[in-house]
Amino acid sequence: MSIESQYDHFISTINQSMANVDPDLVIKIMYLERKLPDVLPKVDLDIEYNPGVDLERKQEIIRWRYGFPVQPTTHGLIAVGRINVEMIEAFSKDKDVRHITGKANPSSY
């Protein structure tokens, strides 16, 4: 199996596990977790919710549960914090989440 085929299979597996999450974000977080294991990556997480969801309630849940600063957007929330793949997976299991994307960078020490 070529490296390209292996990569396609890997992306497909991520999509099956977390269908509503951008696989590139997951890969970047996993890379940073392994490259810099002493501190979680800093992630600007863009969470898009289904229409009609109470965004204020979701915002309070994220602040209470994770302590992240959260800003509302037109269709969801942006949360910023040190986030790992487990947290992304937890967010993805919320039935109100339509799609999750974002940017991951190394946290400063």
Protein backbone atom coordinates (compact mmCIF):
# COMPACT_ATOMS: atom_id res chain seq x y z
CA MET A 1 0.00 0.00 0.00
CA SER A 2 1.46 3.37 -1.02
CA ILE A 3 1.99 6.18 1.48
CA GLU A 4 -0.76 8.14 -0.28
CA SER A 5 -3.21 5.28 0.20
CA GLN A 6 -2.21 4.96 3.85
CA TYR A 7 -2.80 8.68 4.35
CA ASP A 8 -6.20 8.50 2.66
CA HIS A 9 -7.12 5.56 4.89
CA PHE A 10 -5.95 7.49 7.97
CA ILE A 11 -8.08 10.53 7.04
CA SER A 12 -11.05 8.24 6.36
CA THR A 13 -10.65 6.69 9.81
CA ILE A 14 -10.62 10.13 11.46
CA ASN A 15 -13.73 11.10 9.50
CA GLN A 16 -15.49 7.94 10.66
CA SER A 17 -14.55 8.55 14.30
CA MET A 18 -15.33 12.27 14.32
CA ALA A 19 -17.44 13.02 11.26
CA ASN A 20 -18.12 16.63 12.24
CA VAL A 21 -14.46 17.57 12.87
CA ASP A 22 -11.91 18.91 10.39
CA PRO A 23 -9.36 16.07 10.12
CA ASP A 24 -6.54 18.56 9.44
CA LEU A 25 -7.16 20.10 12.87
CA VAL A 26 -7.01 16.68 14.54
CA ILE A 27 -3.76 15.84 12.75
CA LYS A 28 -2.16 19.16 13.71
CA ILE A 29 -3.13 18.72 17.39
CA MET A 30 -1.83 15.14 17.44
CA TYR A 31 1.42 16.29 15.84
CA LEU A 32 1.91 19.03 18.44
CA GLU A 33 1.00 16.68 21.30
CA ARG A 34 3.77 14.33 20.23
CA LYS A 35 6.33 16.95 19.23
CA LEU A 36 5.92 18.98 22.45
CA PRO A 37 4.54 16.52 25.01
CA ASP A 38 5.02 18.76 28.05
CA VAL A 39 2.26 21.22 27.17
CA LEU A 40 -0.99 21.00 25.21
CA PRO A 41 -1.28 22.96 21.97
CA LYS A 42 -3.01 26.34 21.95
CA VAL A 43 -6.11 25.93 19.81
CA ASP A 44 -8.53 28.50 18.43
CA LEU A 45 -11.53 26.22 18.14
CA ASP A 46 -14.38 27.25 15.84
CA ILE A 47 -17.52 25.32 16.79
CA GLU A 48 -20.49 25.62 14.45
CA TYR A 49 -23.82 24.62 15.98
CA ASN A 50 -27.08 23.55 14.38
CA PRO A 51 -29.68 26.30 13.86
CA GLY A 52 -31.79 27.12 16.92
CA VAL A 53 -29.21 26.08 19.52
CA ASP A 54 -28.96 28.32 22.60
CA LEU A 55 -25.43 29.64 22.10
CA GLU A 56 -25.38 31.48 25.43
CA ARG A 57 -26.01 28.19 27.24
CA LYS A 58 -23.29 26.42 25.21
CA GLN A 59 -20.92 29.30 25.94
CA GLU A 60 -21.50 28.98 29.69
CA ILE A 61 -21.03 25.19 29.59
CA ILE A 62 -17.66 25.55 27.83
CA ARG A 63 -16.51 28.25 30.25
CA TRP A 64 -17.61 26.23 33.28
CA ARG A 65 -16.32 22.84 32.10
CA TYR A 66 -13.03 23.90 30.49
CA GLY A 67 -12.36 27.47 31.62
CA PHE A 68 -11.81 28.65 28.06
CA PRO A 69 -12.51 32.19 26.91
CA VAL A 70 -15.41 31.93 24.45
CA GLN A 71 -16.71 34.37 21.84
CA PRO A 72 -19.97 34.03 19.91
CA THR A 73 -19.97 34.03 16.11
CA THR A 74 -22.81 34.07 13.61
CA HIS A 75 -23.33 30.29 13.72
CA GLY A 76 -21.45 29.18 16.79
CA LEU A 77 -18.62 29.86 19.18
CA ILE A 78 -14.88 30.33 19.16
CA ALA A 79 -13.10 28.87 22.19
CA VAL A 80 -9.42 29.42 22.86
CA GLY A 81 -7.28 27.31 25.13
CA ARG A 82 -4.90 24.43 25.57
CA ILE A 83 -6.82 21.64 23.91
CA ASN A 84 -5.99 18.00 23.15
CA VAL A 85 -7.63 15.45 20.85
CA GLU A 86 -9.67 14.00 23.74
CA MET A 87 -11.32 17.39 24.25
CA ILE A 88 -12.03 17.71 20.52
CA GLU A 89 -13.63 14.28 20.62
CA ALA A 90 -15.79 15.33 23.58
CA PHE A 91 -16.92 18.47 21.73
CA SER A 92 -17.71 16.41 18.62
CA LYS A 93 -20.08 14.14 20.55
CA ASP A 94 -22.42 17.05 21.33
CA LYS A 95 -25.50 16.37 19.16
CA ASP A 96 -25.90 20.13 18.63
CA VAL A 97 -22.50 20.51 16.94
CA ARG A 98 -22.60 20.76 13.16
CA HIS A 99 -18.86 21.18 12.46
CA ILE A 100 -15.61 21.86 14.30
CA THR A 101 -12.54 23.44 12.79
CA GLY A 102 -9.79 25.72 14.03
CA LYS A 103 -6.09 26.43 14.27
CA ALA A 104 -3.55 24.75 16.52
CA ASN A 105 -0.18 26.19 17.48
CA PRO A 106 2.52 25.33 19.99
CA SER A 107 1.77 26.83 23.40
CA SER A 108 4.41 29.11 24.84
CA TYR A 109 6.33 27.83 27.81
